[in-house]
């Protein structure tokens, strides 16, 4: 399991650990998970940051490790 956001200081989590914690990726083989993990780019955002605008097509899959996304 991944740590929760209690203190705001979350410990580092490896991309493979994050992928293994997400049920939708459970059908992937270990090699597929490792290939996916190799493409991960970590981007920290702060409260209020805009990560995408409505109608905008994102160039890649985004996984939110912790926090809430609001559509406005």
PDB file of N, CA and C in Angstrom:
ATOM      1  N   UNK A   1       0.832  -1.198   0.000  1.00  0.00           N
ATOM      2  CA  UNK A   1       0.000   0.000   0.000  1.00  0.00           C
ATOM      3  C   UNK A   1       0.867   1.248   0.000  1.00  0.00           C
ATOM      4  N   UNK A   2       0.337   2.301  -0.581  1.00  0.00           N
ATOM      5  CA  UNK A   2       1.059   3.568  -0.625  1.00  0.00           C
ATOM      6  C   UNK A   2       0.750   4.390   0.613  1.00  0.00           C
ATOM      7  N   UNK A   3       1.674   5.230   1.049  1.00  0.00           N
ATOM      8  CA  UNK A   3       1.419   6.085   2.208  1.00  0.00           C
ATOM      9  C   UNK A   3       0.340   7.107   1.900  1.00  0.00           C
ATOM     10  N   UNK A   4      -0.354   7.534   2.947  1.00  0.00           N
ATOM     11  CA  UNK A   4      -1.397   8.547   2.767  1.00  0.00           C
ATOM     12  C   UNK A   4      -0.811   9.936   2.959  1.00  0.00           C
ATOM     13  N   UNK A   5      -1.606  10.926   2.615  1.00  0.00           N
ATOM     14  CA  UNK A   5      -1.158  12.318   2.719  1.00  0.00           C
ATOM     15  C   UNK A   5      -1.591  12.872   4.068  1.00  0.00           C
ATOM     16  N   UNK A   6      -0.834  12.544   5.114  1.00  0.00           N
ATOM     17  CA  UNK A   6      -1.175  13.025   6.445  1.00  0.00           C
ATOM     18  C   UNK A   6      -0.321  14.216   6.847  1.00  0.00           C
ATOM     19  N   UNK A   7       0.945  14.174   6.485  1.00  0.00           N
ATOM     20  CA  UNK A   7       1.854  15.231   6.918  1.00  0.00           C
ATOM     21  C   UNK A   7       2.221  16.190   5.806  1.00  0.00           C
ATOM     22  N   UNK A   8       1.952  15.811   4.567  1.00  0.00           N
ATOM     23  CA  UNK A   8       2.373  16.634   3.449  1.00  0.00           C
ATOM     24  C   UNK A   8       3.780  16.297   2.995  1.00  0.00           C
ATOM     25  N   UNK A   9       4.529  15.573   3.814  1.00  0.00           N
ATOM     26  CA  UNK A   9       5.874  15.125   3.461  1.00  0.00           C
ATOM     27  C   UNK A   9       5.827  13.637   3.159  1.00  0.00           C
ATOM     28  N   UNK A  10       5.472  13.307   1.935  1.00  0.00           N
ATOM     29  CA  UNK A  10       5.338  11.912   1.560  1.00  0.00           C
ATOM     30  C   UNK A  10       6.698  11.316   1.237  1.00  0.00           C
ATOM     31  N   UNK A  11       6.932  10.074   1.664  1.00  0.00           N
ATOM     32  CA  UNK A  11       8.192   9.434   1.300  1.00  0.00           C
ATOM     33  C   UNK A  11       8.232   9.137  -0.191  1.00  0.00           C
ATOM     34  N   UNK A  12       9.432   9.004  -0.719  1.00  0.00           N
ATOM     35  CA  UNK A  12       9.593   8.677  -2.132  1.00  0.00           C
ATOM     36  C   UNK A  12       9.000   7.299  -2.408  1.00  0.00           C
ATOM     37  N   UNK A  13       8.337   7.173  -3.522  1.00  0.00           N
ATOM     38  CA  UNK A  13       7.798   5.897  -3.967  1.00  0.00           C
ATOM     39  C   UNK A  13       8.339   5.665  -5.371  1.00  0.00           C
ATOM     40  N   UNK A  14       8.865   4.482  -5.602  1.00  0.00           N
ATOM     41  CA  UNK A  14       9.401   4.186  -6.927  1.00  0.00           C
ATOM     42  C   UNK A  14       8.258   4.035  -7.924  1.00  0.00           C
ATOM     43  N   UNK A  15       8.513   4.328  -9.188  1.00  0.00           N
ATOM     44  CA  UNK A  15       7.464   4.157 -10.198  1.00  0.00           C
ATOM     45  C   UNK A  15       6.897   2.740 -10.231  1.00  0.00           C
ATOM     46  N   UNK A  16       7.737   1.724 -10.068  1.00  0.00           N
ATOM     47  CA  UNK A  16       7.236   0.349 -10.116  1.00  0.00           C
ATOM     48  C   UNK A  16       6.338   0.057  -8.918  1.00  0.00           C
ATOM     49  N   UNK A  17       6.657   0.614  -7.760  1.00  0.00           N
ATOM     50  CA  UNK A  17       5.806   0.418  -6.583  1.00  0.00           C
ATOM     51  C   UNK A  17       4.458   1.104  -6.796  1.00  0.00           C
ATOM     52  N   UNK A  18       4.466   2.276  -7.374  1.00  0.00           N
ATOM     53  CA  UNK A  18       3.227   2.988  -7.674  1.00  0.00           C
ATOM     54  C   UNK A  18       2.377   2.177  -8.654  1.00  0.00           C
ATOM     55  N   UNK A  19       2.989   1.689  -9.716  1.00  0.00           N
ATOM     56  CA  UNK A  19       2.267   0.904 -10.724  1.00  0.00           C
ATOM     57  C   UNK A  19       1.699  -0.374 -10.109  1.00  0.00           C
ATOM     58  N   UNK A  20       2.480  -1.037  -9.270  1.00  0.00           N
ATOM     59  CA  UNK A  20       2.015  -2.266  -8.622  1.00  0.00           C
ATOM     60  C   UNK A  20       0.854  -2.022  -7.667  1.00  0.00           C
ATOM     61  N   UNK A  21       0.705  -0.799  -7.174  1.00  0.00           N
ATOM     62  CA  UNK A  21      -0.364  -0.476  -6.231  1.00  0.00           C
ATOM     63  C   UNK A  21      -1.678  -0.105  -6.917  1.00  0.00           C
ATOM     64  N   UNK A  22      -1.680  -0.004  -8.241  1.00  0.00           N
ATOM     65  CA  UNK A  22      -2.876   0.408  -8.979  1.00  0.00           C
ATOM     66  C   UNK A  22      -3.497  -0.815  -9.645  1.00  0.00           C
ATOM     67  N   UNK A  23      -4.712  -1.196  -9.220  1.00  0.00           N
ATOM     68  CA  UNK A  23      -5.338  -2.428  -9.715  1.00  0.00           C
ATOM     69  C   UNK A  23      -5.454  -2.537 -11.233  1.00  0.00           C
ATOM     70  N   UNK A  24      -5.671  -1.449 -11.935  1.00  0.00           N
ATOM     71  CA  UNK A  24      -5.852  -1.526 -13.386  1.00  0.00           C
ATOM     72  C   UNK A  24      -4.601  -2.071 -14.083  1.00  0.00           C
ATOM     73  N   UNK A  25      -3.446  -1.952 -13.457  1.00  0.00           N
ATOM     74  CA  UNK A  25      -2.210  -2.447 -14.051  1.00  0.00           C
ATOM     75  C   UNK A  25      -1.895  -3.890 -13.650  1.00  0.00           C
ATOM     76  N   UNK A  26      -2.740  -4.518 -12.848  1.00  0.00           N
ATOM     77  CA  UNK A  26      -2.451  -5.867 -12.342  1.00  0.00           C
ATOM     78  C   UNK A  26      -2.382  -6.921 -13.441  1.00  0.00           C
ATOM     79  N   UNK A  27      -3.044  -6.701 -14.562  1.00  0.00           N
ATOM     80  CA  UNK A  27      -3.026  -7.677 -15.659  1.00  0.00           C
ATOM     81  C   UNK A  27      -1.732  -7.624 -16.466  1.00  0.00           C
ATOM     82  N   UNK A  28      -0.925  -6.601 -16.263  1.00  0.00           N
ATOM     83  CA  UNK A  28       0.339  -6.483 -16.993  1.00  0.00           C
ATOM     84  C   UNK A  28       1.363  -7.475 -16.452  1.00  0.00           C
ATOM     85  N   UNK A  29       2.239  -7.929 -17.323  1.00  0.00           N
ATOM     86  CA  UNK A  29       3.348  -8.777 -16.881  1.00  0.00           C
ATOM     87  C   UNK A  29       4.372  -7.908 -16.154  1.00  0.00           C
ATOM     88  N   UNK A  30       5.287  -8.551 -15.449  1.00  0.00           N
ATOM     89  CA  UNK A  30       6.344  -7.797 -14.772  1.00  0.00           C
ATOM     90  C   UNK A  30       7.168  -6.999 -15.777  1.00  0.00           C
ATOM     91  N   UNK A  31       7.447  -7.583 -16.933  1.00  0.00           N
ATOM     92  CA  UNK A  31       8.208  -6.864 -17.962  1.00  0.00           C
ATOM     93  C   UNK A  31       7.444  -5.649 -18.469  1.00  0.00           C
ATOM     94  N   UNK A  32       6.136  -5.789 -18.659  1.00  0.00           N
ATOM     95  CA  UNK A  32       5.318  -4.657 -19.116  1.00  0.00           C
ATOM     96  C   UNK A  32       5.277  -3.561 -18.057  1.00  0.00           C
ATOM     97  N   UNK A  33       5.154  -3.955 -16.791  1.00  0.00           N
ATOM     98  CA  UNK A  33       5.154  -2.970 -15.706  1.00  0.00           C
ATOM     99  C   UNK A  33       6.493  -2.239 -15.638  1.00  0.00           C
ATOM    100  N   UNK A  34       7.580  -2.973 -15.807  1.00  0.00           N
ATOM    101  CA  UNK A  34       8.903  -2.346 -15.782  1.00  0.00           C
ATOM    102  C   UNK A  34       9.086  -1.398 -16.965  1.00  0.00           C
ATOM    103  N   UNK A  35       8.564  -1.777 -18.131  1.00  0.00           N
ATOM    104  CA  UNK A  35       8.646  -0.893 -19.303  1.00  0.00           C
ATOM    105  C   UNK A  35       7.840   0.379 -19.062  1.00  0.00           C
ATOM    106  N   UNK A  36       6.655   0.239 -18.474  1.00  0.00           N
ATOM    107  CA  UNK A  36       5.832   1.405 -18.147  1.00  0.00           C
ATOM    108  C   UNK A  36       6.541   2.282 -17.120  1.00  0.00           C
ATOM    109  N   UNK A  37       7.095   1.660 -16.089  1.00  0.00           N
ATOM    110  CA  UNK A  37       7.798   2.407 -15.036  1.00  0.00           C
ATOM    111  C   UNK A  37       8.975   3.191 -15.602  1.00  0.00           C
ATOM    112  N   UNK A  38       9.618   2.657 -16.619  1.00  0.00           N
ATOM    113  CA  UNK A  38      10.773   3.333 -17.222  1.00  0.00           C
ATOM    114  C   UNK A  38      10.381   4.627 -17.929  1.00  0.00           C
ATOM    115  N   UNK A  39       9.103   4.794 -18.229  1.00  0.00           N
ATOM    116  CA  UNK A  39       8.641   6.002 -18.923  1.00  0.00           C
ATOM    117  C   UNK A  39       8.098   7.069 -17.971  1.00  0.00           C
ATOM    118  N   UNK A  40       8.060   6.765 -16.681  1.00  0.00           N
ATOM    119  CA  UNK A  40       7.446   7.669 -15.701  1.00  0.00           C
ATOM    120  C   UNK A  40       8.256   8.951 -15.545  1.00  0.00           C
ATOM    121  N   UNK A  41       7.544  10.065 -15.527  1.00  0.00           N
ATOM    122  CA  UNK A  41       8.106  11.369 -15.194  1.00  0.00           C
ATOM    123  C   UNK A  41       7.310  11.903 -14.007  1.00  0.00           C
ATOM    124  N   UNK A  42       7.987  12.217 -12.919  1.00  0.00           N
ATOM    125  CA  UNK A  42       7.319  12.736 -11.726  1.00  0.00           C
ATOM    126  C   UNK A  42       7.221  14.246 -11.842  1.00  0.00           C
ATOM    127  N   UNK A  43       6.015  14.749 -11.658  1.00  0.00           N
ATOM    128  CA  UNK A  43       5.783  16.198 -11.702  1.00  0.00           C
ATOM    129  C   UNK A  43       5.001  16.603 -10.455  1.00  0.00           C
ATOM    130  N   UNK A  44       5.642  17.261  -9.523  1.00  0.00           N
ATOM    131  CA  UNK A  44       4.911  17.715  -8.338  1.00  0.00           C
ATOM    132  C   UNK A  44       4.071  18.953  -8.659  1.00  0.00           C
ATOM    133  N   UNK A  45       2.892  19.002  -8.103  1.00  0.00           N
ATOM    134  CA  UNK A  45       2.008  20.157  -8.256  1.00  0.00           C
ATOM    135  C   UNK A  45       1.593  20.629  -6.872  1.00  0.00           C
ATOM    136  N   UNK A  46       1.288  21.915  -6.788  1.00  0.00           N
ATOM    137  CA  UNK A  46       0.803  22.484  -5.532  1.00  0.00           C
ATOM    138  C   UNK A  46      -0.694  22.713  -5.628  1.00  0.00           C
ATOM    139  N   UNK A  47      -1.317  22.864  -4.493  1.00  0.00           N
ATOM    140  CA  UNK A  47      -2.743  23.156  -4.448  1.00  0.00           C
ATOM    141  C   UNK A  47      -3.019  24.389  -5.303  1.00  0.00           C
ATOM    142  N   UNK A  48      -4.016  24.282  -6.168  1.00  0.00           N
ATOM    143  CA  UNK A  48      -4.396  25.395  -7.026  1.00  0.00           C
ATOM    144  C   UNK A  48      -3.738  25.382  -8.395  1.00  0.00           C
ATOM    145  N   UNK A  49      -2.706  24.557  -8.577  1.00  0.00           N
ATOM    146  CA  UNK A  49      -2.060  24.470  -9.888  1.00  0.00           C
ATOM    147  C   UNK A  49      -3.036  23.901 -10.915  1.00  0.00           C
ATOM    148  N   UNK A  50      -2.965  24.409 -12.121  1.00  0.00           N
ATOM    149  CA  UNK A  50      -3.769  23.881 -13.222  1.00  0.00           C
ATOM    150  C   UNK A  50      -2.914  22.848 -13.944  1.00  0.00           C
ATOM    151  N   UNK A  51      -3.414  21.607 -13.993  1.00  0.00           N
ATOM    152  CA  UNK A  51      -2.646  20.558 -14.666  1.00  0.00           C
ATOM    153  C   UNK A  51      -3.187  20.271 -16.060  1.00  0.00           C
ATOM    154  N   UNK A  52      -4.420  20.662 -16.326  1.00  0.00           N
ATOM    155  CA  UNK A  52      -5.010  20.518 -17.660  1.00  0.00           C
ATOM    156  C   UNK A  52      -6.263  21.378 -17.708  1.00  0.00           C
ATOM    157  N   UNK A  53      -6.615  21.794 -18.885  1.00  0.00           N
ATOM    158  CA  UNK A  53      -7.839  22.574 -19.076  1.00  0.00           C
ATOM    159  C   UNK A  53      -8.890  21.697 -19.743  1.00  0.00           C
ATOM    160  N   UNK A  54     -10.158  21.972 -19.428  1.00  0.00           N
ATOM    161  CA  UNK A  54     -11.254  21.196 -19.993  1.00  0.00           C
ATOM    162  C   UNK A  54     -11.166  21.190 -21.515  1.00  0.00           C
ATOM    163  N   UNK A  55     -11.298  20.013 -22.109  1.00  0.00           N
ATOM    164  CA  UNK A  55     -11.234  19.866 -23.551  1.00  0.00           C
ATOM    165  C   UNK A  55      -9.834  19.647 -24.089  1.00  0.00           C
ATOM    166  N   UNK A  56      -8.835  19.874 -23.254  1.00  0.00           N
ATOM    167  CA  UNK A  56      -7.444  19.701 -23.667  1.00  0.00           C
ATOM    168  C   UNK A  56      -7.092  18.210 -23.681  1.00  0.00           C
ATOM    169  N   UNK A  57      -6.443  17.778 -24.750  1.00  0.00           N
ATOM    170  CA  UNK A  57      -5.973  16.399 -24.843  1.00  0.00           C
ATOM    171  C   UNK A  57      -4.577  16.329 -24.233  1.00  0.00           C
ATOM    172  N   UNK A  58      -4.414  15.474 -23.255  1.00  0.00           N
ATOM    173  CA  UNK A  58      -3.105  15.309 -22.639  1.00  0.00           C
ATOM    174  C   UNK A  58      -2.268  14.355 -23.479  1.00  0.00           C
ATOM    175  N   UNK A  59      -0.970  14.601 -23.572  1.00  0.00           N
ATOM    176  CA  UNK A  59      -0.117  13.761 -24.418  1.00  0.00           C
ATOM    177  C   UNK A  59       0.210  12.397 -23.810  1.00  0.00           C
ATOM    178  N   UNK A  60      -0.119  12.213 -22.531  1.00  0.00           N
ATOM    179  CA  UNK A  60       0.218  10.954 -21.872  1.00  0.00           C
ATOM    180  C   UNK A  60      -0.730  10.696 -20.711  1.00  0.00           C
ATOM    181  N   UNK A  61      -0.639   9.497 -20.168  1.00  0.00           N
ATOM    182  CA  UNK A  61      -1.418   9.110 -19.000  1.00  0.00           C
ATOM    183  C   UNK A  61      -0.884   9.850 -17.781  1.00  0.00           C
ATOM    184  N   UNK A  62      -1.791  10.334 -16.936  1.00  0.00           N
ATOM    185  CA  UNK A  62      -1.378  10.963 -15.684  1.00  0.00           C
ATOM    186  C   UNK A  62      -1.905  10.122 -14.538  1.00  0.00           C
ATOM    187  N   UNK A  63      -1.047   9.862 -13.568  1.00  0.00           N
ATOM    188  CA  UNK A  63      -1.428   9.147 -12.351  1.00  0.00           C
ATOM    189  C   UNK A  63      -1.245  10.115 -11.202  1.00  0.00           C
ATOM    190  N   UNK A  64      -2.301  10.354 -10.454  1.00  0.00           N
ATOM    191  CA  UNK A  64      -2.225  11.249  -9.300  1.00  0.00           C
ATOM    192  C   UNK A  64      -1.954  10.388  -8.073  1.00  0.00           C
ATOM    193  N   UNK A  65      -0.800  10.584  -7.489  1.00  0.00           N
ATOM    194  CA  UNK A  65      -0.406   9.779  -6.331  1.00  0.00           C
ATOM    195  C   UNK A  65      -1.196  10.161  -5.086  1.00  0.00           C
ATOM    196  N   UNK A  66      -1.382  11.448  -4.884  1.00  0.00           N
ATOM    197  CA  UNK A  66      -2.131  11.911  -3.725  1.00  0.00           C
ATOM    198  C   UNK A  66      -2.748  13.260  -4.052  1.00  0.00           C
ATOM    199  N   UNK A  67      -3.856  13.559  -3.425  1.00  0.00           N
ATOM    200  CA  UNK A  67      -4.517  14.834  -3.648  1.00  0.00           C
ATOM    201  C   UNK A  67      -5.850  14.666  -4.349  1.00  0.00           C
ATOM    202  N   UNK A  68      -6.437  15.770  -4.689  1.00  0.00           N
ATOM    203  CA  UNK A  68      -7.754  15.799  -5.321  1.00  0.00           C
ATOM    204  C   UNK A  68      -7.667  16.662  -6.562  1.00  0.00           C
ATOM    205  N   UNK A  69      -8.257  16.180  -7.628  1.00  0.00           N
ATOM    206  CA  UNK A  69      -8.338  16.965  -8.858  1.00  0.00           C
ATOM    207  C   UNK A  69      -9.758  17.481  -8.978  1.00  0.00           C
ATOM    208  N   UNK A  70      -9.880  18.762  -9.253  1.00  0.00           N
ATOM    209  CA  UNK A  70     -11.182  19.401  -9.396  1.00  0.00           C
ATOM    210  C   UNK A  70     -11.327  19.894 -10.821  1.00  0.00           C
ATOM    211  N   UNK A  71     -12.457  19.603 -11.428  1.00  0.00           N
ATOM    212  CA  UNK A  71     -12.735  20.123 -12.765  1.00  0.00           C
ATOM    213  C   UNK A  71     -13.564  21.379 -12.607  1.00  0.00           C
ATOM    214  N   UNK A  72     -13.095  22.451 -13.178  1.00  0.00           N
ATOM    215  CA  UNK A  72     -13.819  23.728 -13.068  1.00  0.00           C
ATOM    216  C   UNK A  72     -14.284  24.187 -14.416  1.00  0.00           C
TER     217      UNK A  72
END
